[in-house]
Amino acid sequence: LSFLVENVDGHQSLFAVQPSMSLYGNLAFTVAPDAFGNATFRITLLDSGGTARGGIDRSEPQYFTIEIQPVNDRPTILPIPPIVSVVQYSGNYTQAFVGNWSVGPANEADQTYSFLVATDQPSLFAMLPSIDTAGILSFG
C-alpha cells in the first residue's frame, strides 16, 4: 500500500518539503520560510494488485486543505552609528538617527512600532534618550 498526495491548486511554494503520507497514515511536510496561505491536496490510496482483468488499484480520492497561519516576523533595523558624540552642557540633541527599518513583510505593514532606547548611565542626561517613529534621536 502507498498513498499518493497531490497538490491540486498550485500552491507548492508554501512548502519547503511537499506533503507526503507514510504507510501508517502520518502526514509530513515542511512549511517554506515566511509562507502563509491555503493549499488543497488530493490523497489516494494505492495497492499493488494492479489493474489487470479490470482490477482497480486505487481508492476514491479524498481532499483536504492545509491552512498555514502567518506569524509575526521580527522587525528589522539597518545598522546605526555606534557612537553619538556631543559636548558637555551642549543642550538638547535632536538628529535623524535611524534611516531604515521595517516592521516585517507586506502582510505586517499595518503594525505599529516604537524604538526602545536604554542607557547604563541615566545620570548623564537631563532628558533620557528616545527615538520617535520618524527615527529622530533626542536627548538632553
C-alpha atoms as a PDB file:
ATOM      1  CA  LEU A   1       0.000   0.000   0.000  1.00  0.00           C
ATOM      2  CA  SER A   2       1.042   3.575  -0.547  1.00  0.00           C
ATOM      3  CA  PHE A   3      -0.540   6.994  -0.567  1.00  0.00           C
ATOM      4  CA  LEU A   4      -0.425   9.408  -3.477  1.00  0.00           C
ATOM      5  CA  VAL A   5      -0.602  13.027  -2.254  1.00  0.00           C
ATOM      6  CA  GLU A   6      -1.126  15.634  -4.979  1.00  0.00           C
ATOM      7  CA  ASN A   7      -1.355  19.420  -4.720  1.00  0.00           C
ATOM      8  CA  VAL A   8      -4.432  20.387  -6.746  1.00  0.00           C
ATOM      9  CA  ASP A   9      -4.360  24.186  -6.514  1.00  0.00           C
ATOM     10  CA  GLY A  10      -0.779  25.029  -7.489  1.00  0.00           C
ATOM     11  CA  HIS A  11       0.365  26.403  -4.108  1.00  0.00           C
ATOM     12  CA  GLN A  12       3.536  24.298  -3.904  1.00  0.00           C
ATOM     13  CA  SER A  13       5.564  27.401  -2.951  1.00  0.00           C
ATOM     14  CA  LEU A  14       4.049  27.265   0.558  1.00  0.00           C
ATOM     15  CA  PHE A  15       6.205  24.210   1.308  1.00  0.00           C
ATOM     16  CA  ALA A  16       9.947  23.632   1.537  1.00  0.00           C
ATOM     17  CA  VAL A  17       9.124  19.903   1.584  1.00  0.00           C
ATOM     18  CA  GLN A  18       5.862  18.932  -0.102  1.00  0.00           C
ATOM     19  CA  PRO A  19       3.288  16.970   1.926  1.00  0.00           C
ATOM     20  CA  SER A  20       3.534  13.188   1.884  1.00  0.00           C
ATOM     21  CA  MET A  21       1.779  10.388   3.722  1.00  0.00           C
ATOM     22  CA  SER A  22       3.573   7.440   5.343  1.00  0.00           C
ATOM     23  CA  LEU A  23       2.342   3.865   5.067  1.00  0.00           C
ATOM     24  CA  TYR A  24       0.839   4.338   8.558  1.00  0.00           C
ATOM     25  CA  GLY A  25      -1.126   7.431   7.544  1.00  0.00           C
ATOM     26  CA  ASN A  26       1.145  10.065   9.085  1.00  0.00           C
ATOM     27  CA  LEU A  27       1.138  13.331   7.159  1.00  0.00           C
ATOM     28  CA  ALA A  28       4.532  15.082   6.929  1.00  0.00           C
ATOM     29  CA  PHE A  29       5.578  18.393   5.364  1.00  0.00           C
ATOM     30  CA  THR A  30       7.811  21.396   5.967  1.00  0.00           C
ATOM     31  CA  VAL A  31       6.463  24.923   5.577  1.00  0.00           C
ATOM     32  CA  ALA A  32       8.597  27.305   3.489  1.00  0.00           C
ATOM     33  CA  PRO A  33      10.090  30.293   5.343  1.00  0.00           C
ATOM     34  CA  ASP A  34       7.658  33.224   5.660  1.00  0.00           C
ATOM     35  CA  ALA A  35       4.927  31.268   3.863  1.00  0.00           C
ATOM     36  CA  PHE A  36       1.264  31.521   4.720  1.00  0.00           C
ATOM     37  CA  GLY A  37      -1.987  30.670   2.961  1.00  0.00           C
ATOM     38  CA  ASN A  38      -4.017  27.615   1.972  1.00  0.00           C
ATOM     39  CA  ALA A  39      -3.149  24.635  -0.189  1.00  0.00           C
ATOM     40  CA  THR A  40      -5.578  21.889  -1.223  1.00  0.00           C
ATOM     41  CA  PHE A  41      -4.496  18.299  -1.772  1.00  0.00           C
ATOM     42  CA  ARG A  42      -5.942  15.113  -3.193  1.00  0.00           C
ATOM     43  CA  ILE A  43      -4.935  11.870  -1.490  1.00  0.00           C
ATOM     44  CA  THR A  44      -5.429   8.438  -2.985  1.00  0.00           C
ATOM     45  CA  LEU A  45      -4.582   5.039  -1.504  1.00  0.00           C
ATOM     46  CA  LEU A  46      -2.808   2.697  -3.949  1.00  0.00           C
ATOM     47  CA  ASP A  47      -2.401  -1.061  -3.643  1.00  0.00           C
ATOM     48  CA  SER A  48      -0.128  -3.483  -5.517  1.00  0.00           C
ATOM     49  CA  GLY A  49      -2.965  -5.541  -7.035  1.00  0.00           C
ATOM     50  CA  GLY A  50      -2.702  -3.826 -10.402  1.00  0.00           C
ATOM     51  CA  THR A  51      -5.388  -3.197 -12.979  1.00  0.00           C
ATOM     52  CA  ALA A  52      -5.226  -6.441 -14.972  1.00  0.00           C
ATOM     53  CA  ARG A  53      -8.582  -8.103 -15.725  1.00  0.00           C
ATOM     54  CA  GLY A  54     -10.482  -4.937 -14.726  1.00  0.00           C
ATOM     55  CA  GLY A  55      -8.806  -4.537 -11.343  1.00  0.00           C
ATOM     56  CA  ILE A  56      -8.852  -1.219  -9.557  1.00  0.00           C
ATOM     57  CA  ASP A  57      -5.647  -0.352  -7.684  1.00  0.00           C
ATOM     58  CA  ARG A  58      -6.638   2.960  -6.137  1.00  0.00           C
ATOM     59  CA  SER A  59      -9.243   4.348  -3.769  1.00  0.00           C
ATOM     60  CA  GLU A  60     -11.633   7.151  -4.487  1.00  0.00           C
ATOM     61  CA  PRO A  61      -9.680  10.380  -3.925  1.00  0.00           C
ATOM     62  CA  GLN A  62     -10.174  12.371  -0.744  1.00  0.00           C
ATOM     63  CA  TYR A  63      -9.432  16.104  -0.480  1.00  0.00           C
ATOM     64  CA  PHE A  64      -8.021  18.153   2.356  1.00  0.00           C
ATOM     65  CA  THR A  65      -6.673  21.658   2.851  1.00  0.00           C
ATOM     66  CA  ILE A  66      -3.619  22.725   4.807  1.00  0.00           C
ATOM     67  CA  GLU A  67      -4.009  26.231   6.236  1.00  0.00           C
ATOM     68  CA  ILE A  68      -0.742  27.919   7.176  1.00  0.00           C
ATOM     69  CA  GLN A  69      -1.259  30.863   9.510  1.00  0.00           C
ATOM     70  CA  PRO A  70       1.134  33.820   9.294  1.00  0.00           C
ATOM     71  CA  VAL A  71       3.344  34.573  12.278  1.00  0.00           C
ATOM     72  CA  ASN A  72       4.643  37.920  13.399  1.00  0.00           C
ATOM     73  CA  ASP A  73       8.097  38.299  11.880  1.00  0.00           C
ATOM     74  CA  ARG A  74      10.888  40.091  13.675  1.00  0.00           C
ATOM     75  CA  PRO A  75      11.193  43.766  12.744  1.00  0.00           C
ATOM     76  CA  THR A  76      14.477  44.800  11.192  1.00  0.00           C
ATOM     77  CA  ILE A  77      16.656  47.853  11.554  1.00  0.00           C
ATOM     78  CA  LEU A  78      19.720  48.687   9.486  1.00  0.00           C
ATOM     79  CA  PRO A  79      22.944  49.394  11.354  1.00  0.00           C
ATOM     80  CA  ILE A  80      23.047  52.663  13.237  1.00  0.00           C
ATOM     81  CA  PRO A  81      26.065  54.766  14.234  1.00  0.00           C
ATOM     82  CA  PRO A  82      27.735  53.155  17.267  1.00  0.00           C
ATOM     83  CA  ILE A  83      28.611  56.482  18.895  1.00  0.00           C
ATOM     84  CA  VAL A  84      26.840  59.819  19.125  1.00  0.00           C
ATOM     85  CA  SER A  85      29.250  62.431  20.407  1.00  0.00           C
ATOM     86  CA  VAL A  86      28.213  65.747  21.946  1.00  0.00           C
ATOM     87  CA  VAL A  87      29.942  68.402  24.024  1.00  0.00           C
ATOM     88  CA  GLN A  88      29.089  68.595  27.726  1.00  0.00           C
ATOM     89  CA  TYR A  89      26.366  71.170  28.513  1.00  0.00           C
ATOM     90  CA  SER A  90      25.545  71.462  24.811  1.00  0.00           C
ATOM     91  CA  GLY A  91      21.783  71.406  25.432  1.00  0.00           C
ATOM     92  CA  ASN A  92      19.189  69.222  23.833  1.00  0.00           C
ATOM     93  CA  TYR A  93      20.189  66.999  20.929  1.00  0.00           C
ATOM     94  CA  THR A  94      17.767  66.141  18.122  1.00  0.00           C
ATOM     95  CA  GLN A  95      19.000  64.490  14.920  1.00  0.00           C
ATOM     96  CA  ALA A  96      17.906  61.924  12.379  1.00  0.00           C
ATOM     97  CA  PHE A  97      19.387  58.678  13.635  1.00  0.00           C
ATOM     98  CA  VAL A  98      17.601  55.614  12.254  1.00  0.00           C
ATOM     99  CA  GLY A  99      17.276  55.722   8.486  1.00  0.00           C
ATOM    100  CA  ASN A 100      15.892  52.346   7.524  1.00  0.00           C
ATOM    101  CA  TRP A 101      13.665  49.899   9.371  1.00  0.00           C
ATOM    102  CA  SER A 102      10.838  47.518   8.625  1.00  0.00           C
ATOM    103  CA  VAL A 103       8.049  46.058  10.730  1.00  0.00           C
ATOM    104  CA  GLY A 104       8.171  42.921   8.561  1.00  0.00           C
ATOM    105  CA  PRO A 105       6.853  41.652   5.236  1.00  0.00           C
ATOM    106  CA  ALA A 106       3.944  43.250   3.363  1.00  0.00           C
ATOM    107  CA  ASN A 107       1.271  41.387   5.350  1.00  0.00           C
ATOM    108  CA  GLU A 108       2.542  43.162   8.504  1.00  0.00           C
ATOM    109  CA  ALA A 109       2.707  46.695   7.079  1.00  0.00           C
ATOM    110  CA  ASP A 110      -0.219  47.858   9.236  1.00  0.00           C
ATOM    111  CA  GLN A 111       1.585  47.118  12.508  1.00  0.00           C
ATOM    112  CA  THR A 112       2.650  49.943  14.767  1.00  0.00           C
ATOM    113  CA  TYR A 113       6.164  50.176  16.110  1.00  0.00           C
ATOM    114  CA  SER A 114       8.341  52.034  18.572  1.00  0.00           C
ATOM    115  CA  PHE A 115      12.044  52.160  19.370  1.00  0.00           C
ATOM    116  CA  LEU A 116      13.247  51.091  22.786  1.00  0.00           C
ATOM    117  CA  VAL A 117      16.286  53.065  23.955  1.00  0.00           C
ATOM    118  CA  ALA A 118      18.158  52.179  27.143  1.00  0.00           C
ATOM    119  CA  THR A 119      21.278  53.575  28.781  1.00  0.00           C
ATOM    120  CA  ASP A 120      23.542  52.358  31.533  1.00  0.00           C
ATOM    121  CA  GLN A 121      24.316  55.992  32.508  1.00  0.00           C
ATOM    122  CA  PRO A 122      20.953  57.755  33.023  1.00  0.00           C
ATOM    123  CA  SER A 123      22.574  60.343  35.315  1.00  0.00           C
ATOM    124  CA  LEU A 124      24.336  61.855  32.278  1.00  0.00           C
ATOM    125  CA  PHE A 125      21.031  63.074  30.873  1.00  0.00           C
ATOM    126  CA  ALA A 126      18.542  65.741  31.866  1.00  0.00           C
ATOM    127  CA  MET A 127      16.209  64.168  29.276  1.00  0.00           C
ATOM    128  CA  LEU A 128      16.745  60.440  28.630  1.00  0.00           C
ATOM    129  CA  PRO A 129      17.426  59.380  25.025  1.00  0.00           C
ATOM    130  CA  SER A 130      14.458  58.406  22.881  1.00  0.00           C
ATOM    131  CA  ILE A 131      13.826  57.715  19.205  1.00  0.00           C
ATOM    132  CA  ASP A 132      10.491  58.740  17.738  1.00  0.00           C
ATOM    133  CA  THR A 133       8.637  56.900  14.961  1.00  0.00           C
ATOM    134  CA  ALA A 134      10.375  59.063  12.339  1.00  0.00           C
ATOM    135  CA  GLY A 135      13.770  57.780  13.527  1.00  0.00           C
ATOM    136  CA  ILE A 136      14.780  61.019  15.289  1.00  0.00           C
ATOM    137  CA  LEU A 137      17.057  60.622  18.319  1.00  0.00           C
ATOM    138  CA  SER A 138      16.520  63.144  21.104  1.00  0.00           C
ATOM    139  CA  PHE A 139      18.157  63.626  24.487  1.00  0.00           C
ATOM    140  CA  GLY A 140      19.301  66.423  26.716  1.00  0.00           C
END
